[in-house]
Amino acid sequence: MATIKKAKIGRVENLAPGSTKDFQWNNPPQTTVLGYFAYADPPPSGQGPHGSSQGSVEVVRVIHTLIEYNYSGSTERVNIHVKNTGSSATAFDLYQSWIP
């Protein structure tokens, strides 16, 4: 049975509400990628002992580009577009999952 692995590939500290961040990863590892996902990490609230904070992010687009050169091999990049779908600024961590 195959084991699904995951690894953090990036972090963005501040994404404004409604904004989209284009995260570019040059020369990603050659694996069987299952997907990319983002975890919101909102800043802690400073409003009393029972304060709360929220964050909401969505991976809206993934673009994989492969360029083959005749004499010098190939290069790859992945562009992952993450949108803040919430009403306040938030940080987020970006992950990749794959089967080795």
PDB file of N, CA and C in Angstrom:
ATOM      1  N   MET A   1       0.844  -1.177   0.000  1.00  0.00           N
ATOM      2  CA  MET A   1       0.000   0.000   0.000  1.00  0.00           C
ATOM      3  C   MET A   1       0.893   1.246   0.000  1.00  0.00           C
ATOM      4  N   ALA A   2       0.573   2.176  -0.849  1.00  0.00           N
ATOM      5  CA  ALA A   2       1.361   3.410  -0.970  1.00  0.00           C
ATOM      6  C   ALA A   2       1.095   4.330   0.218  1.00  0.00           C
ATOM      7  N   THR A   3       2.126   5.028   0.615  1.00  0.00           N
ATOM      8  CA  THR A   3       2.024   5.992   1.704  1.00  0.00           C
ATOM      9  C   THR A   3       1.955   7.390   1.114  1.00  0.00           C
ATOM     10  N   ILE A   4       1.015   8.165   1.561  1.00  0.00           N
ATOM     11  CA  ILE A   4       0.895   9.550   1.103  1.00  0.00           C
ATOM     12  C   ILE A   4       1.742  10.423   2.022  1.00  0.00           C
ATOM     13  N   LYS A   5       2.615  11.198   1.423  1.00  0.00           N
ATOM     14  CA  LYS A   5       3.492  12.102   2.172  1.00  0.00           C
ATOM     15  C   LYS A   5       3.041  13.532   1.966  1.00  0.00           C
ATOM     16  N   LYS A   6       3.455  14.430   2.873  1.00  0.00           N
ATOM     17  CA  LYS A   6       3.198  15.858   2.702  1.00  0.00           C
ATOM     18  C   LYS A   6       4.385  16.628   3.244  1.00  0.00           C
ATOM     19  N   ALA A   7       4.592  17.820   2.685  1.00  0.00           N
ATOM     20  CA  ALA A   7       5.682  18.674   3.136  1.00  0.00           C
ATOM     21  C   ALA A   7       5.283  20.130   2.922  1.00  0.00           C
ATOM     22  N   LYS A   8       5.694  20.953   3.864  1.00  0.00           N
ATOM     23  CA  LYS A   8       5.475  22.392   3.744  1.00  0.00           C
ATOM     24  C   LYS A   8       6.453  22.938   2.719  1.00  0.00           C
ATOM     25  N   ILE A   9       5.939  23.687   1.739  1.00  0.00           N
ATOM     26  CA  ILE A   9       6.802  24.224   0.690  1.00  0.00           C
ATOM     27  C   ILE A   9       6.881  25.748   0.726  1.00  0.00           C
ATOM     28  N   GLY A  10       6.093  26.386   1.580  1.00  0.00           N
ATOM     29  CA  GLY A  10       6.173  27.843   1.655  1.00  0.00           C
ATOM     30  C   GLY A  10       5.266  28.420   2.721  1.00  0.00           C
ATOM     31  N   ARG A  11       5.495  29.696   3.007  1.00  0.00           N
ATOM     32  CA  ARG A  11       4.689  30.420   3.985  1.00  0.00           C
ATOM     33  C   ARG A  11       4.570  31.863   3.515  1.00  0.00           C
ATOM     34  N   VAL A  12       3.391  32.417   3.678  1.00  0.00           N
ATOM     35  CA  VAL A  12       3.134  33.830   3.417  1.00  0.00           C
ATOM     36  C   VAL A  12       2.642  34.425   4.724  1.00  0.00           C
ATOM     37  N   GLU A  13       3.249  35.515   5.165  1.00  0.00           N
ATOM     38  CA  GLU A  13       2.957  36.093   6.481  1.00  0.00           C
ATOM     39  C   GLU A  13       1.717  36.976   6.525  1.00  0.00           C
ATOM     40  N   ASN A  14       1.345  37.603   5.408  1.00  0.00           N
ATOM     41  CA  ASN A  14       0.212  38.528   5.460  1.00  0.00           C
ATOM     42  C   ASN A  14      -0.455  38.596   4.097  1.00  0.00           C
ATOM     43  N   LEU A  15      -1.707  38.169   4.042  1.00  0.00           N
ATOM     44  CA  LEU A  15      -2.488  38.229   2.816  1.00  0.00           C
ATOM     45  C   LEU A  15      -3.784  38.962   3.134  1.00  0.00           C
ATOM     46  N   ALA A  16      -3.988  40.092   2.477  1.00  0.00           N
ATOM     47  CA  ALA A  16      -5.159  40.939   2.735  1.00  0.00           C
ATOM     48  C   ALA A  16      -6.436  40.258   2.260  1.00  0.00           C
ATOM     49  N   PRO A  17      -7.582  40.612   2.855  1.00  0.00           N
ATOM     50  CA  PRO A  17      -8.860  40.033   2.434  1.00  0.00           C
ATOM     51  C   PRO A  17      -9.110  40.256   0.944  1.00  0.00           C
ATOM     52  N   GLY A  18      -9.517  39.211   0.255  1.00  0.00           N
ATOM     53  CA  GLY A  18      -9.815  39.296  -1.169  1.00  0.00           C
ATOM     54  C   GLY A  18      -8.604  39.244  -2.079  1.00  0.00           C
ATOM     55  N   SER A  19      -7.401  39.294  -1.515  1.00  0.00           N
ATOM     56  CA  SER A  19      -6.170  39.283  -2.319  1.00  0.00           C
ATOM     57  C   SER A  19      -5.768  37.862  -2.677  1.00  0.00           C
ATOM     58  N   THR A  20      -5.008  37.759  -3.771  1.00  0.00           N
ATOM     59  CA  THR A  20      -4.477  36.474  -4.213  1.00  0.00           C
ATOM     60  C   THR A  20      -2.961  36.555  -4.267  1.00  0.00           C
ATOM     61  N   LYS A  21      -2.297  35.541  -3.755  1.00  0.00           N
ATOM     62  CA  LYS A  21      -0.834  35.451  -3.775  1.00  0.00           C
ATOM     63  C   LYS A  21      -0.431  34.382  -4.784  1.00  0.00           C
ATOM     64  N   ASP A  22       0.459  34.738  -5.691  1.00  0.00           N
ATOM     65  CA  ASP A  22       1.002  33.800  -6.657  1.00  0.00           C
ATOM     66  C   ASP A  22       2.321  33.286  -6.105  1.00  0.00           C
ATOM     67  N   PHE A  23       2.342  32.047  -5.679  1.00  0.00           N
ATOM     68  CA  PHE A  23       3.534  31.422  -5.121  1.00  0.00           C
ATOM     69  C   PHE A  23       4.189  30.606  -6.224  1.00  0.00           C
ATOM     70  N   GLN A  24       5.410  30.960  -6.609  1.00  0.00           N
ATOM     71  CA  GLN A  24       6.110  30.231  -7.667  1.00  0.00           C
ATOM     72  C   GLN A  24       7.177  29.342  -7.069  1.00  0.00           C
ATOM     73  N   TRP A  25       7.144  28.076  -7.456  1.00  0.00           N
ATOM     74  CA  TRP A  25       8.119  27.100  -6.996  1.00  0.00           C
ATOM     75  C   TRP A  25       8.899  26.611  -8.210  1.00  0.00           C
ATOM     76  N   ASN A  26      10.188  26.970  -8.273  1.00  0.00           N
ATOM     77  CA  ASN A  26      11.038  26.583  -9.396  1.00  0.00           C
ATOM     78  C   ASN A  26      11.649  25.216  -9.157  1.00  0.00           C
ATOM     79  N   ASN A  27      11.664  24.399 -10.199  1.00  0.00           N
ATOM     80  CA  ASN A  27      12.239  23.055 -10.177  1.00  0.00           C
ATOM     81  C   ASN A  27      11.734  22.201  -9.010  1.00  0.00           C
ATOM     82  N   PRO A  28      10.413  21.954  -8.945  1.00  0.00           N
ATOM     83  CA  PRO A  28       9.878  21.093  -7.884  1.00  0.00           C
ATOM     84  C   PRO A  28      10.403  19.670  -8.041  1.00  0.00           C
ATOM     85  N   PRO A  29      10.406  18.882  -6.973  1.00  0.00           N
ATOM     86  CA  PRO A  29      10.915  17.515  -7.070  1.00  0.00           C
ATOM     87  C   PRO A  29      10.062  16.667  -8.011  1.00  0.00           C
ATOM     88  N   GLN A  30      10.707  15.703  -8.642  1.00  0.00           N
ATOM     89  CA  GLN A  30      10.025  14.797  -9.573  1.00  0.00           C
ATOM     90  C   GLN A  30       9.330  13.698  -8.773  1.00  0.00           C
ATOM     91  N   THR A  31       8.057  13.897  -8.490  1.00  0.00           N
ATOM     92  CA  THR A  31       7.281  12.915  -7.736  1.00  0.00           C
ATOM     93  C   THR A  31       5.883  12.824  -8.338  1.00  0.00           C
ATOM     94  N   THR A  32       5.099  11.899  -7.836  1.00  0.00           N
ATOM     95  CA  THR A  32       3.702  11.802  -8.224  1.00  0.00           C
ATOM     96  C   THR A  32       2.911  12.721  -7.303  1.00  0.00           C
ATOM     97  N   VAL A  33       2.704  13.949  -7.740  1.00  0.00           N
ATOM     98  CA  VAL A  33       2.032  14.959  -6.915  1.00  0.00           C
ATOM     99  C   VAL A  33       0.532  14.678  -6.885  1.00  0.00           C
ATOM    100  N   LEU A  34      -0.024  14.689  -5.692  1.00  0.00           N
ATOM    101  CA  LEU A  34      -1.465  14.529  -5.534  1.00  0.00           C
ATOM    102  C   LEU A  34      -2.168  15.878  -5.504  1.00  0.00           C
ATOM    103  N   GLY A  35      -1.526  16.849  -4.853  1.00  0.00           N
ATOM    104  CA  GLY A  35      -2.159  18.155  -4.802  1.00  0.00           C
ATOM    105  C   GLY A  35      -1.395  19.134  -3.941  1.00  0.00           C
ATOM    106  N   TYR A  36      -1.873  20.365  -3.974  1.00  0.00           N
ATOM    107  CA  TYR A  36      -1.343  21.458  -3.170  1.00  0.00           C
ATOM    108  C   TYR A  36      -2.479  21.967  -2.294  1.00  0.00           C
ATOM    109  N   PHE A  37      -2.171  22.294  -1.045  1.00  0.00           N
ATOM    110  CA  PHE A  37      -3.208  22.812  -0.160  1.00  0.00           C
ATOM    111  C   PHE A  37      -2.608  23.837   0.785  1.00  0.00           C
ATOM    112  N   ALA A  38      -3.463  24.719   1.281  1.00  0.00           N
ATOM    113  CA  ALA A  38      -3.028  25.815   2.141  1.00  0.00           C
ATOM    114  C   ALA A  38      -3.801  25.768   3.451  1.00  0.00           C
ATOM    115  N   TYR A  39      -3.095  26.043   4.552  1.00  0.00           N
ATOM    116  CA  TYR A  39      -3.695  26.152   5.878  1.00  0.00           C
ATOM    117  C   TYR A  39      -3.618  27.606   6.325  1.00  0.00           C
ATOM    118  N   ALA A  40      -4.750  28.194   6.650  1.00  0.00           N
ATOM    119  CA  ALA A  40      -4.761  29.557   7.180  1.00  0.00           C
ATOM    120  C   ALA A  40      -4.125  29.565   8.562  1.00  0.00           C
ATOM    121  N   ASP A  41      -3.426  30.636   8.868  1.00  0.00           N
ATOM    122  CA  ASP A  41      -2.789  30.813  10.176  1.00  0.00           C
ATOM    123  C   ASP A  41      -3.010  32.260  10.612  1.00  0.00           C
ATOM    124  N   PRO A  42      -4.235  32.592  11.073  1.00  0.00           N
ATOM    125  CA  PRO A  42      -4.534  33.982  11.425  1.00  0.00           C
ATOM    126  C   PRO A  42      -3.757  34.435  12.652  1.00  0.00           C
ATOM    127  N   PRO A  43      -3.470  35.735  12.735  1.00  0.00           N
ATOM    128  CA  PRO A  43      -2.772  36.248  13.914  1.00  0.00           C
ATOM    129  C   PRO A  43      -3.674  36.145  15.140  1.00  0.00           C
ATOM    130  N   PRO A  44      -3.087  35.969  16.323  1.00  0.00           N
ATOM    131  CA  PRO A  44      -3.919  35.895  17.528  1.00  0.00           C
ATOM    132  C   PRO A  44      -4.612  37.235  17.792  1.00  0.00           C
ATOM    133  N   SER A  45      -5.792  37.147  18.345  1.00  0.00           N
ATOM    134  CA  SER A  45      -6.562  38.355  18.661  1.00  0.00           C
ATOM    135  C   SER A  45      -6.104  38.912  19.998  1.00  0.00           C
ATOM    136  N   GLY A  46      -6.038  40.227  20.102  1.00  0.00           N
ATOM    137  CA  GLY A  46      -5.630  40.864  21.344  1.00  0.00           C
ATOM    138  C   GLY A  46      -6.791  41.426  22.130  1.00  0.00           C
ATOM    139  N   GLN A  47      -7.982  40.924  21.890  1.00  0.00           N
ATOM    140  CA  GLN A  47      -9.169  41.485  22.534  1.00  0.00           C
ATOM    141  C   GLN A  47      -9.660  40.602  23.669  1.00  0.00           C
ATOM    142  N   GLY A  48      -9.018  40.727  24.811  1.00  0.00           N
ATOM    143  CA  GLY A  48      -9.470  40.018  26.006  1.00  0.00           C
ATOM    144  C   GLY A  48      -9.090  38.550  26.020  1.00  0.00           C
ATOM    145  N   PRO A  49      -9.398  37.869  27.149  1.00  0.00           N
ATOM    146  CA  PRO A  49      -9.001  36.477  27.312  1.00  0.00           C
ATOM    147  C   PRO A  49      -9.778  35.525  26.409  1.00  0.00           C
ATOM    148  N   HIS A  50     -10.920  35.966  25.882  1.00  0.00           N
ATOM    149  CA  HIS A  50     -11.741  35.089  25.049  1.00  0.00           C
ATOM    150  C   HIS A  50     -11.802  35.591  23.606  1.00  0.00           C
ATOM    151  N   GLY A  51     -10.817  36.390  23.216  1.00  0.00           N
ATOM    152  CA  GLY A  51     -10.777  36.905  21.852  1.00  0.00           C
ATOM    153  C   GLY A  51     -10.590  35.782  20.848  1.00  0.00           C
ATOM    154  N   SER A  52     -10.937  36.040  19.624  1.00  0.00           N
ATOM    155  CA  SER A  52     -10.761  35.037  18.581  1.00  0.00           C
ATOM    156  C   SER A  52     -10.277  35.717  17.303  1.00  0.00           C
ATOM    157  N   SER A  53      -9.771  34.929  16.418  1.00  0.00           N
ATOM    158  CA  SER A  53      -9.354  35.431  15.111  1.00  0.00           C
ATOM    159  C   SER A  53      -9.726  34.374  14.085  1.00  0.00           C
ATOM    160  N   GLN A  54      -9.813  34.793  12.844  1.00  0.00           N
ATOM    161  CA  GLN A  54     -10.181  33.837  11.807  1.00  0.00           C
ATOM    162  C   GLN A  54      -9.353  34.053  10.556  1.00  0.00           C
ATOM    163  N   GLY A  55      -9.203  33.016   9.805  1.00  0.00           N
ATOM    164  CA  GLY A  55      -8.515  33.082   8.528  1.00  0.00           C
ATOM    165  C   GLY A  55      -9.138  32.061   7.596  1.00  0.00           C
ATOM    166  N   SER A  56      -9.207  32.405   6.329  1.00  0.00           N
ATOM    167  CA  SER A  56      -9.796  31.512   5.343  1.00  0.00           C
ATOM    168  C   SER A  56      -9.051  31.694   4.028  1.00  0.00           C
ATOM    169  N   VAL A  57      -8.467  30.615   3.518  1.00  0.00           N
ATOM    170  CA  VAL A  57      -7.731  30.678   2.262  1.00  0.00           C
ATOM    171  C   VAL A  57      -8.176  29.544   1.354  1.00  0.00           C
ATOM    172  N   GLU A  58      -7.978  29.756   0.053  1.00  0.00           N
ATOM    173  CA  GLU A  58      -8.387  28.776  -0.948  1.00  0.00           C
ATOM    174  C   GLU A  58      -7.336  28.724  -2.055  1.00  0.00           C
ATOM    175  N   VAL A  59      -6.936  27.519  -2.451  1.00  0.00           N
ATOM    176  CA  VAL A  59      -6.073  27.358  -3.624  1.00  0.00           C
ATOM    177  C   VAL A  59      -7.003  27.462  -4.830  1.00  0.00           C
ATOM    178  N   VAL A  60      -6.818  28.526  -5.616  1.00  0.00           N
ATOM    179  CA  VAL A  60      -7.749  28.771  -6.718  1.00  0.00           C
ATOM    180  C   VAL A  60      -7.228  28.309  -8.076  1.00  0.00           C
ATOM    181  N   ARG A  61      -5.907  28.136  -8.194  1.00  0.00           N
ATOM    182  CA  ARG A  61      -5.362  27.735  -9.491  1.00  0.00           C
ATOM    183  C   ARG A  61      -3.959  27.180  -9.297  1.00  0.00           C
ATOM    184  N   VAL A  62      -3.638  26.138 -10.044  1.00  0.00           N
ATOM    185  CA  VAL A  62      -2.288  25.573 -10.059  1.00  0.00           C
ATOM    186  C   VAL A  62      -1.879  25.451 -11.527  1.00  0.00           C
ATOM    187  N   ILE A  63      -0.737  26.039 -11.863  1.00  0.00           N
ATOM    188  CA  ILE A  63      -0.235  25.990 -13.237  1.00  0.00           C
ATOM    189  C   ILE A  63       1.144  25.338 -13.220  1.00  0.00           C
ATOM    190  N   HIS A  64       1.295  24.257 -13.974  1.00  0.00           N
ATOM    191  CA  HIS A  64       2.575  23.568 -14.079  1.00  0.00           C
ATOM    192  C   HIS A  64       3.163  23.873 -15.446  1.00  0.00           C
ATOM    193  N   THR A  65       4.416  24.324 -15.484  1.00  0.00           N
ATOM    194  CA  THR A  65       5.096  24.650 -16.734  1.00  0.00           C
ATOM    195  C   THR A  65       6.355  23.798 -16.841  1.00  0.00           C
ATOM    196  N   LEU A  66       6.506  23.126 -17.979  1.00  0.00           N
ATOM    197  CA  LEU A  66       7.691  22.324 -18.264  1.00  0.00           C
ATOM    198  C   LEU A  66       8.289  22.847 -19.560  1.00  0.00           C
ATOM    199  N   ILE A  67       9.566  23.208 -19.518  1.00  0.00           N
ATOM    200  CA  ILE A  67      10.267  23.698 -20.701  1.00  0.00           C
ATOM    201  C   ILE A  67      11.384  22.712 -21.024  1.00  0.00           C
ATOM    202  N   GLU A  68      11.320  22.121 -22.212  1.00  0.00           N
ATOM    203  CA  GLU A  68      12.338  21.165 -22.666  1.00  0.00           C
ATOM    204  C   GLU A  68      13.324  21.888 -23.572  1.00  0.00           C
ATOM    205  N   TYR A  69      14.603  21.746 -23.272  1.00  0.00           N
ATOM    206  CA  TYR A  69      15.662  22.297 -24.108  1.00  0.00           C
ATOM    207  C   TYR A  69      16.364  21.150 -24.834  1.00  0.00           C
ATOM    208  N   ASN A  70      16.749  21.369 -26.072  1.00  0.00           N
ATOM    209  CA  ASN A  70      17.384  20.310 -26.865  1.00  0.00           C
ATOM    210  C   ASN A  70      18.702  19.832 -26.265  1.00  0.00           C
ATOM    211  N   TYR A  71      19.514  20.748 -25.720  1.00  0.00           N
ATOM    212  CA  TYR A  71      20.854  20.365 -25.291  1.00  0.00           C
ATOM    213  C   TYR A  71      21.101  20.472 -23.788  1.00  0.00           C
ATOM    214  N   SER A  72      20.271  21.199 -23.078  1.00  0.00           N
ATOM    215  CA  SER A  72      20.576  21.427 -21.661  1.00  0.00           C
ATOM    216  C   SER A  72      19.515  20.886 -20.708  1.00  0.00           C
ATOM    217  N   GLY A  73      18.728  19.926 -21.126  1.00  0.00           N
ATOM    218  CA  GLY A  73      17.741  19.320 -20.233  1.00  0.00           C
ATOM    219  C   GLY A  73      16.452  20.116 -20.167  1.00  0.00           C
ATOM    220  N   SER A  74      15.779  20.024 -19.054  1.00  0.00           N
ATOM    221  CA  SER A  74      14.493  20.693 -18.919  1.00  0.00           C
ATOM    222  C   SER A  74      14.426  21.462 -17.606  1.00  0.00           C
ATOM    223  N   THR A  75      13.500  22.401 -17.552  1.00  0.00           N
ATOM    224  CA  THR A  75      13.220  23.128 -16.317  1.00  0.00           C
ATOM    225  C   THR A  75      11.720  23.088 -16.074  1.00  0.00           C
ATOM    226  N   GLU A  76      11.361  23.117 -14.813  1.00  0.00           N
ATOM    227  CA  GLU A  76       9.959  23.085 -14.425  1.00  0.00           C
ATOM    228  C   GLU A  76       9.677  24.191 -13.432  1.00  0.00           C
ATOM    229  N   ARG A  77       8.418  24.599 -13.387  1.00  0.00           N
ATOM    230  CA  ARG A  77       7.968  25.476 -12.311  1.00  0.00           C
ATOM    231  C   ARG A  77       6.481  25.226 -12.093  1.00  0.00           C
ATOM    232  N   VAL A  78       6.064  25.488 -10.873  1.00  0.00           N
ATOM    233  CA  VAL A  78       4.666  25.386 -10.505  1.00  0.00           C
ATOM    234  C   VAL A  78       4.259  26.724  -9.917  1.00  0.00           C
ATOM    235  N   ASN A  79       3.179  27.294 -10.426  1.00  0.00           N
ATOM    236  CA  ASN A  79       2.607  28.520  -9.874  1.00  0.00           C
ATOM    237  C   ASN A  79       1.319  28.141  -9.160  1.00  0.00           C
ATOM    238  N   ILE A  80       1.259  28.459  -7.868  1.00  0.00           N
ATOM    239  CA  ILE A  80       0.104  28.128  -7.043  1.00  0.00           C
ATOM    240  C   ILE A  80      -0.516  29.441  -6.596  1.00  0.00           C
ATOM    241  N   HIS A  81      -1.766  29.662  -6.950  1.00  0.00           N
ATOM    242  CA  HIS A  81      -2.467  30.902  -6.617  1.00  0.00           C
ATOM    243  C   HIS A  81      -3.371  30.634  -5.409  1.00  0.00           C
ATOM    244  N   VAL A  82      -3.133  31.372  -4.313  1.00  0.00           N
ATOM    245  CA  VAL A  82      -3.890  31.202  -3.079  1.00  0.00           C
ATOM    246  C   VAL A  82      -4.629  32.506  -2.784  1.00  0.00           C
ATOM    247  N   LYS A  83      -5.936  32.405  -2.544  1.00  0.00           N
ATOM    248  CA  LYS A  83      -6.774  33.582  -2.301  1.00  0.00           C
ATOM    249  C   LYS A  83      -7.265  33.604  -0.859  1.00  0.00           C
ATOM    250  N   ASN A  84      -7.239  34.796  -0.255  1.00  0.00           N
ATOM    251  CA  ASN A  84      -7.824  35.001   1.069  1.00  0.00           C
ATOM    252  C   ASN A  84      -9.319  35.210   0.861  1.00  0.00           C
ATOM    253  N   THR A  85     -10.122  34.247   1.272  1.00  0.00           N
ATOM    254  CA  THR A  85     -11.573  34.322   1.095  1.00  0.00           C
ATOM    255  C   THR A  85     -12.274  34.841   2.337  1.00  0.00           C
ATOM    256  N   GLY A  86     -11.510  35.217   3.348  1.00  0.00           N
ATOM    257  CA  GLY A  86     -12.083  35.720   4.592  1.00  0.00           C
ATOM    258  C   GLY A  86     -12.223  37.229   4.601  1.00  0.00           C
ATOM    259  N   SER A  87     -12.581  37.755   5.763  1.00  0.00           N
ATOM    260  CA  SER A  87     -12.813  39.195   5.916  1.00  0.00           C
ATOM    261  C   SER A  87     -11.691  39.898   6.665  1.00  0.00           C
ATOM    262  N   SER A  88     -10.622  39.182   6.994  1.00  0.00           N
ATOM    263  CA  SER A  88      -9.485  39.807   7.673  1.00  0.00           C
ATOM    264  C   SER A  88      -8.190  39.230   7.122  1.00  0.00           C
ATOM    265  N   ALA A  89      -7.105  39.973   7.319  1.00  0.00           N
ATOM    266  CA  ALA A  89      -5.794  39.522   6.846  1.00  0.00           C
ATOM    267  C   ALA A  89      -5.372  38.261   7.591  1.00  0.00           C
ATOM    268  N   THR A  90      -4.649  37.401   6.907  1.00  0.00           N
ATOM    269  CA  THR A  90      -4.182  36.173   7.530  1.00  0.00           C
ATOM    270  C   THR A  90      -2.864  35.733   6.905  1.00  0.00           C
ATOM    271  N   ALA A  91      -2.132  34.932   7.636  1.00  0.00           N
ATOM    272  CA  ALA A  91      -0.958  34.247   7.106  1.00  0.00           C
ATOM    273  C   ALA A  91      -1.427  32.864   6.654  1.00  0.00           C
ATOM    274  N   PHE A  92      -0.594  32.176   5.871  1.00  0.00           N
ATOM    275  CA  PHE A  92      -0.925  30.790   5.529  1.00  0.00           C
ATOM    276  C   PHE A  92       0.338  30.004   5.232  1.00  0.00           C
ATOM    277  N   ASP A  93       0.229  28.689   5.425  1.00  0.00           N
ATOM    278  CA  ASP A  93       1.284  27.745   5.080  1.00  0.00           C
ATOM    279  C   ASP A  93       0.823  26.960   3.861  1.00  0.00           C
ATOM    280  N   LEU A  94       1.743  26.724   2.930  1.00  0.00           N
ATOM    281  CA  LEU A  94       1.429  26.018   1.697  1.00  0.00           C
ATOM    282  C   LEU A  94       2.108  24.658   1.719  1.00  0.00           C
ATOM    283  N   TYR A  95       1.362  23.609   1.345  1.00  0.00           N
ATOM    284  CA  TYR A  95       1.855  22.229   1.389  1.00  0.00           C
ATOM    285  C   TYR A  95       1.676  21.547   0.051  1.00  0.00           C
ATOM    286  N   GLN A  96       2.495  20.511  -0.143  1.00  0.00           N
ATOM    287  CA  GLN A  96       2.353  19.595  -1.281  1.00  0.00           C
ATOM    288  C   GLN A  96       2.161  18.202  -0.726  1.00  0.00           C
ATOM    289  N   SER A  97       1.304  17.427  -1.340  1.00  0.00           N
ATOM    290  CA  SER A  97       1.181  15.998  -0.989  1.00  0.00           C
ATOM    291  C   SER A  97       1.561  15.166  -2.210  1.00  0.00           C
ATOM    292  N   TRP A  98       2.161  14.001  -1.962  1.00  0.00           N
ATOM    293  CA  TRP A  98       2.635  13.163  -3.049  1.00  0.00           C
ATOM    294  C   TRP A  98       2.743  11.718  -2.615  1.00  0.00           C
ATOM    295  N   ILE A  99       2.920  10.857  -3.601  1.00  0.00           N
ATOM    296  CA  ILE A  99       3.204   9.443  -3.369  1.00  0.00           C
ATOM    297  C   ILE A  99       4.644   9.217  -3.804  1.00  0.00           C
ATOM    298  N   PRO A 100       5.521   8.758  -2.909  1.00  0.00           N
ATOM    299  CA  PRO A 100       6.930   8.544  -3.292  1.00  0.00           C
ATOM    300  C   PRO A 100       7.100   7.371  -4.249  1.00  0.00           C
TER     301      PRO A 100
END
